[in-house]
Amino acid sequence: MTATVTELKTGLQTRLATITNLRAFAQQPDQVNPSIGGLAWPTLESITYHGAMGRGLVTHVFTVSVIVGRAAERTSQNLLDTYLSYDSGIRAAIEADQTLGGYAQTLIVEEASNISTVDANDTTYLTVDFRVVVYA
């Protein structure tokens, strides 16, 4: 049986929660207020059905958005650099369990993009999006 979108999003949240001080959500939080380590959540971008015979493969593409502290702070810039690195970053945390707790066949973090700033709560924060392809 193919995993539900909710199960996959919860699996991504679980993987993101392994990063120290990063608050992970299964969906976009109501308020943007990054803590010391920032916050992250997955958003479903697309689903491709019939990747194999007999409904054997469904491909889900997620964007995992990460927001860290104020853009003007050096510590926020350093934290963003850490999240972009392989050893201690978002990619390593997600790919450490490519089945997302048994809900997926495999996954890959394809890229980090849209490295920019976002305005919220009268503050400018640093942000980055990670493209995650999940084969379920």
N, C-alpha and C. Protein backbone atom coordinates (compact mmCIF):
# COMPACT_ATOMS: atom_id res chain seq x y z
N MET A 1 0.84 -1.18 0.00
CA MET A 1 0.00 0.00 0.00
C MET A 1 0.89 1.24 0.00
N THR A 2 0.54 2.19 -0.82
CA THR A 2 1.29 3.43 -0.92
C THR A 2 1.04 4.30 0.31
N ALA A 3 2.09 4.94 0.78
CA ALA A 3 1.99 5.82 1.94
C ALA A 3 1.14 7.04 1.61
N THR A 4 0.51 7.58 2.62
CA THR A 4 -0.25 8.82 2.43
C THR A 4 0.70 10.01 2.47
N VAL A 5 0.23 11.12 1.96
CA VAL A 5 1.02 12.35 2.01
C VAL A 5 1.30 12.72 3.46
N THR A 6 0.30 12.57 4.32
CA THR A 6 0.48 12.90 5.74
C THR A 6 1.57 12.04 6.37
N GLU A 7 1.60 10.75 6.05
CA GLU A 7 2.64 9.87 6.60
C GLU A 7 4.03 10.30 6.13
N LEU A 8 4.16 10.68 4.87
CA LEU A 8 5.46 11.10 4.36
C LEU A 8 5.89 12.43 4.98
N LYS A 9 4.96 13.36 5.13
CA LYS A 9 5.28 14.65 5.76
C LYS A 9 5.69 14.45 7.22
N THR A 10 5.00 13.56 7.90
CA THR A 10 5.37 13.26 9.29
C THR A 10 6.74 12.60 9.35
N GLY A 11 7.03 11.74 8.39
CA GLY A 11 8.36 11.12 8.32
C GLY A 11 9.45 12.15 8.10
N LEU A 12 9.21 13.12 7.24
CA LEU A 12 10.18 14.20 7.03
C LEU A 12 10.33 15.04 8.28
N GLN A 13 9.23 15.32 8.95
CA GLN A 13 9.29 16.07 10.21
C GLN A 13 10.15 15.32 11.23
N THR A 14 9.97 14.02 11.33
CA THR A 14 10.75 13.21 12.27
C THR A 14 12.23 13.30 11.97
N ARG A 15 12.60 13.24 10.69
CA ARG A 15 14.01 13.33 10.32
C ARG A 15 14.57 14.72 10.63
N LEU A 16 13.81 15.76 10.33
CA LEU A 16 14.26 17.13 10.60
C LEU A 16 14.42 17.37 12.09
N ALA A 17 13.59 16.72 12.89
CA ALA A 17 13.65 16.90 14.35
C ALA A 17 14.91 16.32 14.96
N THR A 18 15.69 15.56 14.19
CA THR A 18 16.95 15.02 14.72
C THR A 18 18.05 16.07 14.75
N ILE A 19 17.82 17.21 14.14
CA ILE A 19 18.81 18.29 14.13
C ILE A 19 18.64 19.13 15.38
N THR A 20 19.70 19.27 16.13
CA THR A 20 19.67 20.01 17.39
C THR A 20 19.18 21.43 17.19
N ASN A 21 18.23 21.85 18.01
CA ASN A 21 17.67 23.20 18.05
C ASN A 21 16.82 23.58 16.83
N LEU A 22 16.59 22.66 15.91
CA LEU A 22 15.73 22.95 14.77
C LEU A 22 14.31 22.50 15.11
N ARG A 23 13.36 23.42 15.08
CA ARG A 23 11.97 23.05 15.32
C ARG A 23 11.36 22.58 14.00
N ALA A 24 10.90 21.34 14.00
CA ALA A 24 10.38 20.73 12.79
C ALA A 24 8.86 20.60 12.88
N PHE A 25 8.21 20.85 11.75
CA PHE A 25 6.76 20.77 11.65
C PHE A 25 6.39 19.88 10.47
N ALA A 26 5.21 19.25 10.52
CA ALA A 26 4.73 18.46 9.40
C ALA A 26 4.06 19.34 8.35
N GLN A 27 3.72 20.55 8.73
CA GLN A 27 3.14 21.52 7.80
C GLN A 27 3.57 22.93 8.21
N GLN A 28 3.34 23.87 7.33
CA GLN A 28 3.80 25.23 7.60
C GLN A 28 3.19 25.75 8.90
N PRO A 29 4.03 26.26 9.80
CA PRO A 29 3.50 26.78 11.07
C PRO A 29 2.71 28.07 10.85
N ASP A 30 1.83 28.35 11.80
CA ASP A 30 1.01 29.56 11.71
C ASP A 30 1.84 30.83 11.86
N GLN A 31 2.88 30.75 12.69
CA GLN A 31 3.73 31.91 12.93
C GLN A 31 5.18 31.57 12.62
N VAL A 32 5.87 32.50 11.99
CA VAL A 32 7.30 32.34 11.72
C VAL A 32 8.05 33.04 12.83
N ASN A 33 8.68 32.25 13.68
CA ASN A 33 9.46 32.79 14.79
C ASN A 33 10.60 31.83 15.07
N PRO A 34 11.67 31.88 14.27
CA PRO A 34 12.76 30.93 14.43
C PRO A 34 13.39 31.00 15.82
N SER A 35 13.66 29.84 16.35
CA SER A 35 14.39 29.77 17.62
C SER A 35 15.88 29.86 17.32
N ILE A 36 16.69 29.47 18.27
CA ILE A 36 18.15 29.50 18.09
C ILE A 36 18.56 28.72 16.84
N GLY A 37 17.90 27.61 16.58
CA GLY A 37 18.28 26.77 15.46
C GLY A 37 17.41 26.91 14.23
N GLY A 38 16.35 27.67 14.31
CA GLY A 38 15.49 27.86 13.16
C GLY A 38 14.30 26.92 13.16
N LEU A 39 13.57 26.90 12.03
CA LEU A 39 12.43 26.02 11.89
C LEU A 39 12.36 25.50 10.47
N ALA A 40 11.66 24.35 10.31
CA ALA A 40 11.59 23.71 9.00
C ALA A 40 10.28 22.95 8.86
N TRP A 41 9.79 22.84 7.61
CA TRP A 41 8.59 22.07 7.34
C TRP A 41 8.57 21.67 5.86
N PRO A 42 7.93 20.53 5.54
CA PRO A 42 7.78 20.11 4.15
C PRO A 42 6.47 20.60 3.55
N THR A 43 6.51 20.89 2.26
CA THR A 43 5.32 21.22 1.49
C THR A 43 5.31 20.33 0.25
N LEU A 44 4.21 19.67 0.00
CA LEU A 44 4.10 18.82 -1.18
C LEU A 44 3.99 19.69 -2.43
N GLU A 45 4.85 19.42 -3.42
CA GLU A 45 4.83 20.17 -4.68
C GLU A 45 4.13 19.41 -5.80
N SER A 46 4.35 18.09 -5.86
CA SER A 46 3.72 17.31 -6.92
C SER A 46 3.74 15.82 -6.58
N ILE A 47 2.85 15.09 -7.26
CA ILE A 47 2.81 13.63 -7.17
C ILE A 47 2.75 13.08 -8.59
N THR A 48 3.58 12.08 -8.88
CA THR A 48 3.54 11.40 -10.16
C THR A 48 3.12 9.96 -9.91
N TYR A 49 2.01 9.55 -10.52
CA TYR A 49 1.48 8.21 -10.34
C TYR A 49 1.99 7.28 -11.45
N HIS A 50 1.81 5.99 -11.27
CA HIS A 50 2.09 4.97 -12.28
C HIS A 50 3.55 4.95 -12.72
N GLY A 51 4.47 5.06 -11.76
CA GLY A 51 5.89 4.99 -12.07
C GLY A 51 6.36 3.58 -12.35
N ALA A 52 5.51 2.60 -12.04
CA ALA A 52 5.81 1.19 -12.32
C ALA A 52 4.48 0.48 -12.56
N MET A 53 4.56 -0.70 -13.09
CA MET A 53 3.35 -1.47 -13.37
C MET A 53 2.58 -1.75 -12.09
N GLY A 54 1.27 -1.80 -12.20
CA GLY A 54 0.44 -2.17 -11.06
C GLY A 54 0.49 -1.20 -9.91
N ARG A 55 0.58 0.08 -10.21
CA ARG A 55 0.64 1.13 -9.18
C ARG A 55 1.82 0.92 -8.24
N GLY A 56 2.92 0.41 -8.77
CA GLY A 56 4.05 0.04 -7.94
C GLY A 56 4.95 1.18 -7.50
N LEU A 57 4.79 2.36 -8.04
CA LEU A 57 5.67 3.45 -7.65
C LEU A 57 4.94 4.79 -7.80
N VAL A 58 4.90 5.52 -6.71
CA VAL A 58 4.34 6.87 -6.72
C VAL A 58 5.46 7.80 -6.26
N THR A 59 5.73 8.84 -7.04
CA THR A 59 6.81 9.77 -6.74
C THR A 59 6.22 11.06 -6.18
N HIS A 60 6.68 11.43 -4.99
CA HIS A 60 6.25 12.66 -4.33
C HIS A 60 7.42 13.63 -4.31
N VAL A 61 7.19 14.86 -4.71
CA VAL A 61 8.23 15.89 -4.65
C VAL A 61 7.82 16.90 -3.57
N PHE A 62 8.71 17.07 -2.59
CA PHE A 62 8.47 18.00 -1.50
C PHE A 62 9.49 19.12 -1.54
N THR A 63 9.09 20.28 -1.07
CA THR A 63 10.01 21.36 -0.76
C THR A 63 10.06 21.46 0.75
N VAL A 64 11.25 21.30 1.31
CA VAL A 64 11.44 21.49 2.75
C VAL A 64 11.99 22.90 2.93
N SER A 65 11.19 23.75 3.52
CA SER A 65 11.59 25.14 3.76
C SER A 65 12.24 25.26 5.13
N VAL A 66 13.35 25.96 5.17
CA VAL A 66 14.08 26.17 6.42
C VAL A 66 14.27 27.67 6.60
N ILE A 67 13.91 28.16 7.77
CA ILE A 67 14.10 29.58 8.10
C ILE A 67 14.96 29.65 9.35
N VAL A 68 16.02 30.43 9.27
CA VAL A 68 16.89 30.63 10.43
C VAL A 68 16.74 32.07 10.93
N GLY A 69 17.60 32.50 11.78
CA GLY A 69 17.49 33.81 12.43
C GLY A 69 17.62 35.00 11.50
N ARG A 70 17.76 36.12 12.11
CA ARG A 70 17.82 37.39 11.38
C ARG A 70 18.97 37.40 10.38
N ALA A 71 18.69 37.93 9.20
CA ALA A 71 19.66 37.93 8.11
C ALA A 71 20.92 38.72 8.45
N ALA A 72 20.80 39.72 9.30
CA ALA A 72 21.95 40.57 9.62
C ALA A 72 22.90 39.94 10.63
N GLU A 73 22.51 38.84 11.24
CA GLU A 73 23.35 38.23 12.27
C GLU A 73 24.30 37.20 11.66
N ARG A 74 25.55 37.29 12.03
CA ARG A 74 26.56 36.35 11.54
C ARG A 74 26.24 34.92 11.97
N THR A 75 25.72 34.75 13.18
CA THR A 75 25.39 33.40 13.65
C THR A 75 24.32 32.76 12.77
N SER A 76 23.38 33.53 12.29
CA SER A 76 22.35 33.00 11.39
C SER A 76 22.96 32.57 10.06
N GLN A 77 23.89 33.36 9.55
CA GLN A 77 24.55 33.00 8.30
C GLN A 77 25.38 31.73 8.48
N ASN A 78 26.06 31.60 9.61
CA ASN A 78 26.84 30.40 9.89
C ASN A 78 25.93 29.18 10.04
N LEU A 79 24.78 29.36 10.68
CA LEU A 79 23.83 28.26 10.85
C LEU A 79 23.30 27.80 9.50
N LEU A 80 23.00 28.74 8.62
CA LEU A 80 22.53 28.38 7.29
C LEU A 80 23.61 27.59 6.55
N ASP A 81 24.86 28.00 6.68
CA ASP A 81 25.97 27.25 6.07
C ASP A 81 26.01 25.82 6.60
N THR A 82 25.78 25.66 7.89
CA THR A 82 25.77 24.32 8.50
C THR A 82 24.64 23.48 7.92
N TYR A 83 23.46 24.05 7.78
CA TYR A 83 22.33 23.31 7.22
C TYR A 83 22.56 22.92 5.77
N LEU A 84 23.38 23.69 5.05
CA LEU A 84 23.69 23.38 3.66
C LEU A 84 24.80 22.34 3.52
N SER A 85 25.56 22.10 4.58
CA SER A 85 26.65 21.12 4.52
C SER A 85 26.08 19.71 4.55
N TYR A 86 26.87 18.74 4.10
CA TYR A 86 26.36 17.37 4.08
C TYR A 86 26.41 16.72 5.46
N ASP A 87 27.53 16.82 6.14
CA ASP A 87 27.74 16.06 7.38
C ASP A 87 26.76 16.40 8.49
N SER A 88 26.42 17.65 8.66
CA SER A 88 25.55 18.02 9.77
C SER A 88 24.33 18.81 9.30
N GLY A 89 24.01 18.68 8.03
CA GLY A 89 22.96 19.50 7.47
C GLY A 89 21.63 18.80 7.27
N ILE A 90 20.76 19.48 6.57
CA ILE A 90 19.42 18.99 6.29
C ILE A 90 19.49 17.71 5.46
N ARG A 91 20.34 17.70 4.45
CA ARG A 91 20.46 16.52 3.59
C ARG A 91 20.84 15.28 4.40
N ALA A 92 21.82 15.40 5.25
CA ALA A 92 22.27 14.26 6.06
C ALA A 92 21.16 13.76 6.97
N ALA A 93 20.43 14.67 7.58
CA ALA A 93 19.36 14.28 8.50
C ALA A 93 18.24 13.53 7.78
N ILE A 94 17.84 14.04 6.62
CA ILE A 94 16.75 13.39 5.89
C ILE A 94 17.20 12.06 5.30
N GLU A 95 18.38 12.03 4.69
CA GLU A 95 18.84 10.81 4.02
C GLU A 95 19.32 9.74 4.99
N ALA A 96 19.39 10.04 6.28
CA ALA A 96 19.80 9.03 7.27
C ALA A 96 18.76 7.92 7.39
N ASP A 97 17.51 8.18 7.04
CA ASP A 97 16.46 7.15 6.99
C ASP A 97 15.70 7.35 5.69
N GLN A 98 16.18 6.71 4.65
CA GLN A 98 15.59 6.92 3.33
C GLN A 98 14.22 6.29 3.17
N THR A 99 13.76 5.53 4.17
CA THR A 99 12.41 4.96 4.12
C THR A 99 11.41 5.78 4.93
N LEU A 100 11.86 6.81 5.60
CA LEU A 100 11.00 7.65 6.45
C LEU A 100 10.18 6.80 7.41
N GLY A 101 10.87 5.92 8.10
CA GLY A 101 10.20 5.07 9.08
C GLY A 101 9.41 3.94 8.46
N GLY A 102 9.75 3.57 7.24
CA GLY A 102 9.08 2.46 6.56
C GLY A 102 7.97 2.87 5.61
N TYR A 103 7.74 4.16 5.43
CA TYR A 103 6.67 4.63 4.56
C TYR A 103 7.10 4.82 3.11
N ALA A 104 8.39 4.92 2.85
CA ALA A 104 8.88 5.16 1.49
C ALA A 104 9.81 4.03 1.07
N GLN A 105 9.94 3.84 -0.25
CA GLN A 105 10.92 2.89 -0.76
C GLN A 105 12.32 3.50 -0.65
N THR A 106 12.43 4.74 -1.05
CA THR A 106 13.70 5.47 -0.95
C THR A 106 13.41 6.95 -1.18
N LEU A 107 14.43 7.75 -0.99
CA LEU A 107 14.30 9.19 -1.24
C LEU A 107 15.66 9.77 -1.54
N ILE A 108 15.66 10.98 -2.04
CA ILE A 108 16.91 11.70 -2.28
C ILE A 108 16.65 13.20 -2.09
N VAL A 109 17.58 13.85 -1.45
CA VAL A 109 17.55 15.31 -1.36
C VAL A 109 18.33 15.80 -2.57
N GLU A 110 17.62 16.33 -3.55
CA GLU A 110 18.23 16.68 -4.84
C GLU A 110 18.99 17.98 -4.83
N GLU A 111 18.46 18.99 -4.16
CA GLU A 111 19.12 20.29 -4.24
C GLU A 111 18.66 21.22 -3.12
N ALA A 112 19.47 22.22 -2.91
CA ALA A 112 19.10 23.36 -2.05
C ALA A 112 19.05 24.57 -2.97
N SER A 113 17.97 25.33 -2.88
CA SER A 113 17.81 26.47 -3.77
C SER A 113 17.03 27.57 -3.07
N ASN A 114 16.80 28.63 -3.79
CA ASN A 114 16.04 29.76 -3.26
C ASN A 114 16.64 30.27 -1.95
N ILE A 115 17.95 30.33 -1.91
CA ILE A 115 18.64 30.85 -0.73
C ILE A 115 18.45 32.36 -0.74
N SER A 116 17.67 32.84 0.22
CA SER A 116 17.28 34.25 0.17
C SER A 116 16.84 34.72 1.55
N THR A 117 16.09 35.81 1.56
CA THR A 117 15.53 36.32 2.80
C THR A 117 14.02 36.35 2.69
N VAL A 118 13.38 36.35 3.85
CA VAL A 118 11.93 36.45 3.92
C VAL A 118 11.59 37.41 5.06
N ASP A 119 10.60 38.25 4.83
CA ASP A 119 10.17 39.21 5.86
C ASP A 119 8.97 38.66 6.61
N ALA A 120 9.07 38.64 7.92
CA ALA A 120 7.97 38.21 8.79
C ALA A 120 8.15 38.87 10.15
N ASN A 121 7.06 39.26 10.76
CA ASN A 121 7.11 39.86 12.10
C ASN A 121 8.04 41.07 12.15
N ASP A 122 8.06 41.87 11.11
CA ASP A 122 8.93 43.05 11.03
C ASP A 122 10.41 42.71 11.14
N THR A 123 10.76 41.50 10.72
CA THR A 123 12.15 41.04 10.76
C THR A 123 12.47 40.36 9.44
N THR A 124 13.72 40.48 8.98
CA THR A 124 14.17 39.79 7.78
C THR A 124 14.97 38.57 8.20
N TYR A 125 14.50 37.38 7.78
CA TYR A 125 15.13 36.11 8.13
C TYR A 125 15.81 35.50 6.91
N LEU A 126 16.80 34.67 7.15
CA LEU A 126 17.42 33.88 6.08
C LEU A 126 16.59 32.63 5.85
N THR A 127 16.50 32.21 4.60
CA THR A 127 15.71 31.02 4.27
C THR A 127 16.37 30.24 3.14
N VAL A 128 16.07 28.95 3.08
CA VAL A 128 16.53 28.09 2.00
C VAL A 128 15.50 26.99 1.80
N ASP A 129 15.35 26.53 0.57
CA ASP A 129 14.43 25.43 0.24
C ASP A 129 15.24 24.23 -0.24
N PHE A 130 14.85 23.05 0.24
CA PHE A 130 15.46 21.80 -0.17
C PHE A 130 14.43 20.99 -0.96
N ARG A 131 14.83 20.50 -2.12
CA ARG A 131 13.95 19.66 -2.94
C ARG A 131 14.20 18.20 -2.56
N VAL A 132 13.14 17.54 -2.10
CA VAL A 132 13.23 16.15 -1.67
C VAL A 132 12.29 15.31 -2.53
N VAL A 133 12.83 14.29 -3.19
CA VAL A 133 12.03 13.40 -4.01
C VAL A 133 11.89 12.08 -3.26
N VAL A 134 10.63 11.71 -3.01
CA VAL A 134 10.33 10.50 -2.24
C VAL A 134 9.65 9.50 -3.16
N TYR A 135 10.19 8.29 -3.22
CA TYR A 135 9.61 7.21 -4.01
C TYR A 135 8.89 6.27 -3.06
N ALA A 136 7.56 6.22 -3.17
CA ALA A 136 6.78 5.42 -2.22
C ALA A 136 6.00 4.33 -2.95
